[in-house]
């Protein structure tokens, strides 16, 4: 088993088509999209832990 890694990501996103940050059944979210993207890139299943969150349709600017 590979050792755990911590990554720091500073994100900017346009959230119109997302239903907030946290994973929700049957709704696209930022957290779920990040987890899926990392899995596609690395083949590893990851769990994202956000330091903040946004509501449905909200944008995040850095």
PDB file of N, CA and C in Angstrom:
ATOM      1  N   UNK A   1       0.847  -1.169   0.000  1.00  0.00           N
ATOM      2  CA  UNK A   1       0.000   0.000   0.000  1.00  0.00           C
ATOM      3  C   UNK A   1       0.900   1.242   0.000  1.00  0.00           C
ATOM      4  N   UNK A   2       0.638   2.210  -0.893  1.00  0.00           N
ATOM      5  CA  UNK A   2       1.446   3.426  -0.912  1.00  0.00           C
ATOM      6  C   UNK A   2       1.207   4.262   0.344  1.00  0.00           C
ATOM      7  N   UNK A   3       2.214   5.035   0.723  1.00  0.00           N
ATOM      8  CA  UNK A   3       2.048   5.899   1.894  1.00  0.00           C
ATOM      9  C   UNK A   3       1.105   7.053   1.562  1.00  0.00           C
ATOM     10  N   UNK A   4       0.466   7.579   2.586  1.00  0.00           N
ATOM     11  CA  UNK A   4      -0.479   8.685   2.408  1.00  0.00           C
ATOM     12  C   UNK A   4       0.261   9.951   2.013  1.00  0.00           C
ATOM     13  N   UNK A   5      -0.403  10.764   1.217  1.00  0.00           N
ATOM     14  CA  UNK A   5       0.141  12.049   0.805  1.00  0.00           C
ATOM     15  C   UNK A   5      -0.882  13.131   1.097  1.00  0.00           C
ATOM     16  N   UNK A   6      -0.394  14.303   1.410  1.00  0.00           N
ATOM     17  CA  UNK A   6      -1.251  15.470   1.562  1.00  0.00           C
ATOM     18  C   UNK A   6      -0.925  16.445   0.451  1.00  0.00           C
ATOM     19  N   UNK A   7      -1.948  16.979  -0.194  1.00  0.00           N
ATOM     20  CA  UNK A   7      -1.788  17.976  -1.242  1.00  0.00           C
ATOM     21  C   UNK A   7      -2.527  19.228  -0.817  1.00  0.00           C
ATOM     22  N   UNK A   8      -1.991  20.366  -1.177  1.00  0.00           N
ATOM     23  CA  UNK A   8      -2.667  21.642  -0.970  1.00  0.00           C
ATOM     24  C   UNK A   8      -3.045  22.171  -2.339  1.00  0.00           C
ATOM     25  N   UNK A   9      -4.329  22.393  -2.557  1.00  0.00           N
ATOM     26  CA  UNK A   9      -4.818  22.940  -3.819  1.00  0.00           C
ATOM     27  C   UNK A   9      -5.527  24.258  -3.549  1.00  0.00           C
ATOM     28  N   UNK A  10      -5.201  25.260  -4.319  1.00  0.00           N
ATOM     29  CA  UNK A  10      -5.936  26.522  -4.295  1.00  0.00           C
ATOM     30  C   UNK A  10      -6.768  26.538  -5.562  1.00  0.00           C
ATOM     31  N   UNK A  11      -8.074  26.573  -5.419  1.00  0.00           N
ATOM     32  CA  UNK A  11      -8.968  26.392  -6.554  1.00  0.00           C
ATOM     33  C   UNK A  11      -9.739  27.649  -6.906  1.00  0.00           C
ATOM     34  N   UNK A  12      -9.948  27.807  -8.185  1.00  0.00           N
ATOM     35  CA  UNK A  12     -10.882  28.781  -8.725  1.00  0.00           C
ATOM     36  C   UNK A  12     -11.811  27.997  -9.632  1.00  0.00           C
ATOM     37  N   UNK A  13     -13.110  28.180  -9.480  1.00  0.00           N
ATOM     38  CA  UNK A  13     -14.033  27.463 -10.355  1.00  0.00           C
ATOM     39  C   UNK A  13     -15.309  28.252 -10.565  1.00  0.00           C
ATOM     40  N   UNK A  14     -15.953  27.950 -11.671  1.00  0.00           N
ATOM     41  CA  UNK A  14     -17.232  28.531 -12.045  1.00  0.00           C
ATOM     42  C   UNK A  14     -18.280  27.497 -11.648  1.00  0.00           C
ATOM     43  N   UNK A  15     -19.080  27.803 -10.641  1.00  0.00           N
ATOM     44  CA  UNK A  15     -19.921  26.791 -10.018  1.00  0.00           C
ATOM     45  C   UNK A  15     -21.360  26.698 -10.482  1.00  0.00           C
ATOM     46  N   UNK A  16     -21.691  27.334 -11.602  1.00  0.00           N
ATOM     47  CA  UNK A  16     -23.080  27.348 -12.051  1.00  0.00           C
ATOM     48  C   UNK A  16     -23.689  25.954 -12.167  1.00  0.00           C
ATOM     49  N   UNK A  17     -22.955  25.008 -12.695  1.00  0.00           N
ATOM     50  CA  UNK A  17     -23.499  23.656 -12.942  1.00  0.00           C
ATOM     51  C   UNK A  17     -23.278  22.691 -11.784  1.00  0.00           C
ATOM     52  N   UNK A  18     -22.773  23.189 -10.660  1.00  0.00           N
ATOM     53  CA  UNK A  18     -22.506  22.322  -9.515  1.00  0.00           C
ATOM     54  C   UNK A  18     -23.511  22.583  -8.401  1.00  0.00           C
ATOM     55  N   UNK A  19     -23.742  21.563  -7.598  1.00  0.00           N
ATOM     56  CA  UNK A  19     -24.664  21.662  -6.469  1.00  0.00           C
ATOM     57  C   UNK A  19     -23.884  21.778  -5.168  1.00  0.00           C
ATOM     58  N   UNK A  20     -22.972  22.748  -5.127  1.00  0.00           N
ATOM     59  CA  UNK A  20     -22.192  22.996  -3.922  1.00  0.00           C
ATOM     60  C   UNK A  20     -20.911  22.194  -3.868  1.00  0.00           C
ATOM     61  N   UNK A  21     -20.262  22.253  -2.709  1.00  0.00           N
ATOM     62  CA  UNK A  21     -18.964  21.604  -2.517  1.00  0.00           C
ATOM     63  C   UNK A  21     -19.113  20.131  -2.173  1.00  0.00           C
ATOM     64  N   UNK A  22     -19.902  19.817  -1.135  1.00  0.00           N
ATOM     65  CA  UNK A  22     -19.953  18.461  -0.580  1.00  0.00           C
ATOM     66  C   UNK A  22     -20.661  17.477  -1.503  1.00  0.00           C
ATOM     67  N   UNK A  23     -20.159  16.231  -1.513  1.00  0.00           N
ATOM     68  CA  UNK A  23     -20.750  15.170  -2.323  1.00  0.00           C
ATOM     69  C   UNK A  23     -22.216  14.993  -1.948  1.00  0.00           C
ATOM     70  N   UNK A  24     -23.069  14.907  -2.965  1.00  0.00           N
ATOM     71  CA  UNK A  24     -24.497  14.675  -2.794  1.00  0.00           C
ATOM     72  C   UNK A  24     -24.922  13.605  -3.794  1.00  0.00           C
ATOM     73  N   UNK A  25     -25.830  12.731  -3.396  1.00  0.00           N
ATOM     74  CA  UNK A  25     -26.287  11.697  -4.326  1.00  0.00           C
ATOM     75  C   UNK A  25     -26.952  12.318  -5.556  1.00  0.00           C
ATOM     76  N   UNK A  26     -26.596  11.835  -6.727  1.00  0.00           N
ATOM     77  CA  UNK A  26     -27.235  12.222  -7.989  1.00  0.00           C
ATOM     78  C   UNK A  26     -27.108  13.698  -8.342  1.00  0.00           C
ATOM     79  N   UNK A  27     -26.119  14.394  -7.808  1.00  0.00           N
ATOM     80  CA  UNK A  27     -25.891  15.803  -8.130  1.00  0.00           C
ATOM     81  C   UNK A  27     -24.400  16.047  -8.294  1.00  0.00           C
ATOM     82  N   UNK A  28     -23.997  16.793  -9.330  1.00  0.00           N
ATOM     83  CA  UNK A  28     -22.570  17.084  -9.503  1.00  0.00           C
ATOM     84  C   UNK A  28     -22.085  18.091  -8.457  1.00  0.00           C
ATOM     85  N   UNK A  29     -20.961  17.782  -7.813  1.00  0.00           N
ATOM     86  CA  UNK A  29     -20.382  18.682  -6.816  1.00  0.00           C
ATOM     87  C   UNK A  29     -18.891  18.858  -7.089  1.00  0.00           C
ATOM     88  N   UNK A  30     -18.314  19.894  -6.511  1.00  0.00           N
ATOM     89  CA  UNK A  30     -16.889  20.165  -6.681  1.00  0.00           C
ATOM     90  C   UNK A  30     -16.064  19.042  -6.054  1.00  0.00           C
ATOM     91  N   UNK A  31     -16.391  18.646  -4.835  1.00  0.00           N
ATOM     92  CA  UNK A  31     -15.648  17.592  -4.135  1.00  0.00           C
ATOM     93  C   UNK A  31     -15.633  16.296  -4.952  1.00  0.00           C
ATOM     94  N   UNK A  32     -16.783  15.898  -5.450  1.00  0.00           N
ATOM     95  CA  UNK A  32     -16.872  14.674  -6.242  1.00  0.00           C
ATOM     96  C   UNK A  32     -16.066  14.793  -7.537  1.00  0.00           C
ATOM     97  N   UNK A  33     -16.129  15.943  -8.186  1.00  0.00           N
ATOM     98  CA  UNK A  33     -15.369  16.151  -9.428  1.00  0.00           C
ATOM     99  C   UNK A  33     -13.870  16.065  -9.185  1.00  0.00           C
ATOM    100  N   UNK A  34     -13.392  16.632  -8.081  1.00  0.00           N
ATOM    101  CA  UNK A  34     -11.965  16.547  -7.748  1.00  0.00           C
ATOM    102  C   UNK A  34     -11.538  15.108  -7.489  1.00  0.00           C
ATOM    103  N   UNK A  35     -12.336  14.378  -6.717  1.00  0.00           N
ATOM    104  CA  UNK A  35     -12.002  12.983  -6.421  1.00  0.00           C
ATOM    105  C   UNK A  35     -11.955  12.149  -7.702  1.00  0.00           C
ATOM    106  N   UNK A  36     -12.903  12.357  -8.603  1.00  0.00           N
ATOM    107  CA  UNK A  36     -12.914  11.618  -9.865  1.00  0.00           C
ATOM    108  C   UNK A  36     -11.717  11.988 -10.738  1.00  0.00           C
ATOM    109  N   UNK A  37     -11.347  13.268 -10.772  1.00  0.00           N
ATOM    110  CA  UNK A  37     -10.210  13.711 -11.586  1.00  0.00           C
ATOM    111  C   UNK A  37      -8.904  13.093 -11.095  1.00  0.00           C
ATOM    112  N   UNK A  38      -8.697  13.059  -9.782  1.00  0.00           N
ATOM    113  CA  UNK A  38      -7.478  12.457  -9.236  1.00  0.00           C
ATOM    114  C   UNK A  38      -7.442  10.969  -9.561  1.00  0.00           C
ATOM    115  N   UNK A  39      -8.584  10.299  -9.456  1.00  0.00           N
ATOM    116  CA  UNK A  39      -8.625   8.865  -9.773  1.00  0.00           C
ATOM    117  C   UNK A  39      -8.278   8.622 -11.242  1.00  0.00           C
ATOM    118  N   UNK A  40      -8.784   9.475 -12.141  1.00  0.00           N
ATOM    119  CA  UNK A  40      -8.455   9.320 -13.567  1.00  0.00           C
ATOM    120  C   UNK A  40      -6.963   9.523 -13.813  1.00  0.00           C
ATOM    121  N   UNK A  41      -6.358  10.475 -13.111  1.00  0.00           N
ATOM    122  CA  UNK A  41      -4.942  10.784 -13.313  1.00  0.00           C
ATOM    123  C   UNK A  41      -4.003   9.760 -12.681  1.00  0.00           C
ATOM    124  N   UNK A  42      -4.365   9.261 -11.494  1.00  0.00           N
ATOM    125  CA  UNK A  42      -3.441   8.421 -10.731  1.00  0.00           C
ATOM    126  C   UNK A  42      -3.871   6.965 -10.615  1.00  0.00           C
ATOM    127  N   UNK A  43      -5.149   6.686 -10.853  1.00  0.00           N
ATOM    128  CA  UNK A  43      -5.671   5.341 -10.648  1.00  0.00           C
ATOM    129  C   UNK A  43      -5.978   5.041  -9.192  1.00  0.00           C
ATOM    130  N   UNK A  44      -5.754   6.007  -8.311  1.00  0.00           N
ATOM    131  CA  UNK A  44      -5.979   5.828  -6.874  1.00  0.00           C
ATOM    132  C   UNK A  44      -7.293   6.478  -6.448  1.00  0.00           C
ATOM    133  N   UNK A  45      -8.009   5.820  -5.547  1.00  0.00           N
ATOM    134  CA  UNK A  45      -9.199   6.410  -4.953  1.00  0.00           C
ATOM    135  C   UNK A  45      -8.758   7.326  -3.820  1.00  0.00           C
ATOM    136  N   UNK A  46      -9.240   8.560  -3.821  1.00  0.00           N
ATOM    137  CA  UNK A  46      -8.852   9.527  -2.797  1.00  0.00           C
ATOM    138  C   UNK A  46     -10.094  10.107  -2.137  1.00  0.00           C
ATOM    139  N   UNK A  47      -9.890  10.700  -0.973  1.00  0.00           N
ATOM    140  CA  UNK A  47     -10.942  11.428  -0.277  1.00  0.00           C
ATOM    141  C   UNK A  47     -10.476  12.864  -0.114  1.00  0.00           C
ATOM    142  N   UNK A  48     -11.253  13.791  -0.653  1.00  0.00           N
ATOM    143  CA  UNK A  48     -10.943  15.216  -0.559  1.00  0.00           C
ATOM    144  C   UNK A  48     -11.534  15.766   0.731  1.00  0.00           C
ATOM    145  N   UNK A  49     -10.755  16.568   1.440  1.00  0.00           N
ATOM    146  CA  UNK A  49     -11.226  17.259   2.642  1.00  0.00           C
ATOM    147  C   UNK A  49     -11.064  18.749   2.399  1.00  0.00           C
ATOM    148  N   UNK A  50     -12.163  19.460   2.303  1.00  0.00           N
ATOM    149  CA  UNK A  50     -12.111  20.896   2.036  1.00  0.00           C
ATOM    150  C   UNK A  50     -12.011  21.708   3.312  1.00  0.00           C
ATOM    151  N   UNK A  51     -11.323  22.843   3.226  1.00  0.00           N
ATOM    152  CA  UNK A  51     -11.216  23.759   4.362  1.00  0.00           C
ATOM    153  C   UNK A  51     -12.363  24.765   4.356  1.00  0.00           C
ATOM    154  N   UNK A  52     -13.109  24.776   3.286  1.00  0.00           N
ATOM    155  CA  UNK A  52     -14.272  25.648   3.154  1.00  0.00           C
ATOM    156  C   UNK A  52     -15.229  24.989   2.186  1.00  0.00           C
ATOM    157  N   UNK A  53     -16.373  25.597   1.983  1.00  0.00           N
ATOM    158  CA  UNK A  53     -17.308  25.023   1.027  1.00  0.00           C
ATOM    159  C   UNK A  53     -18.187  26.118   0.450  1.00  0.00           C
ATOM    160  N   UNK A  54     -18.827  25.798  -0.661  1.00  0.00           N
ATOM    161  CA  UNK A  54     -19.719  26.752  -1.303  1.00  0.00           C
ATOM    162  C   UNK A  54     -21.088  26.120  -1.486  1.00  0.00           C
ATOM    163  N   UNK A  55     -22.082  26.970  -1.643  1.00  0.00           N
ATOM    164  CA  UNK A  55     -23.443  26.512  -1.888  1.00  0.00           C
ATOM    165  C   UNK A  55     -23.658  26.281  -3.378  1.00  0.00           C
ATOM    166  N   UNK A  56     -24.801  25.775  -3.718  1.00  0.00           N
ATOM    167  CA  UNK A  56     -25.146  25.485  -5.103  1.00  0.00           C
ATOM    168  C   UNK A  56     -25.056  26.735  -5.967  1.00  0.00           C
ATOM    169  N   UNK A  57     -24.387  26.605  -7.127  1.00  0.00           N
ATOM    170  CA  UNK A  57     -24.298  27.698  -8.084  1.00  0.00           C
ATOM    171  C   UNK A  57     -23.313  28.795  -7.755  1.00  0.00           C
ATOM    172  N   UNK A  58     -22.576  28.669  -6.664  1.00  0.00           N
ATOM    173  CA  UNK A  58     -21.640  29.707  -6.229  1.00  0.00           C
ATOM    174  C   UNK A  58     -20.280  29.474  -6.873  1.00  0.00           C
ATOM    175  N   UNK A  59     -19.606  30.566  -7.253  1.00  0.00           N
ATOM    176  CA  UNK A  59     -18.278  30.498  -7.850  1.00  0.00           C
ATOM    177  C   UNK A  59     -17.222  30.719  -6.772  1.00  0.00           C
ATOM    178  N   UNK A  60     -16.030  30.207  -7.009  1.00  0.00           N
ATOM    179  CA  UNK A  60     -14.899  30.434  -6.104  1.00  0.00           C
ATOM    180  C   UNK A  60     -13.790  31.103  -6.894  1.00  0.00           C
ATOM    181  N   UNK A  61     -13.395  32.276  -6.454  1.00  0.00           N
ATOM    182  CA  UNK A  61     -12.323  33.018  -7.107  1.00  0.00           C
ATOM    183  C   UNK A  61     -11.132  33.086  -6.187  1.00  0.00           C
ATOM    184  N   UNK A  62      -9.954  32.868  -6.744  1.00  0.00           N
ATOM    185  CA  UNK A  62      -8.730  32.891  -5.958  1.00  0.00           C
ATOM    186  C   UNK A  62      -7.967  34.146  -6.287  1.00  0.00           C
TER     187      UNK A  62
END
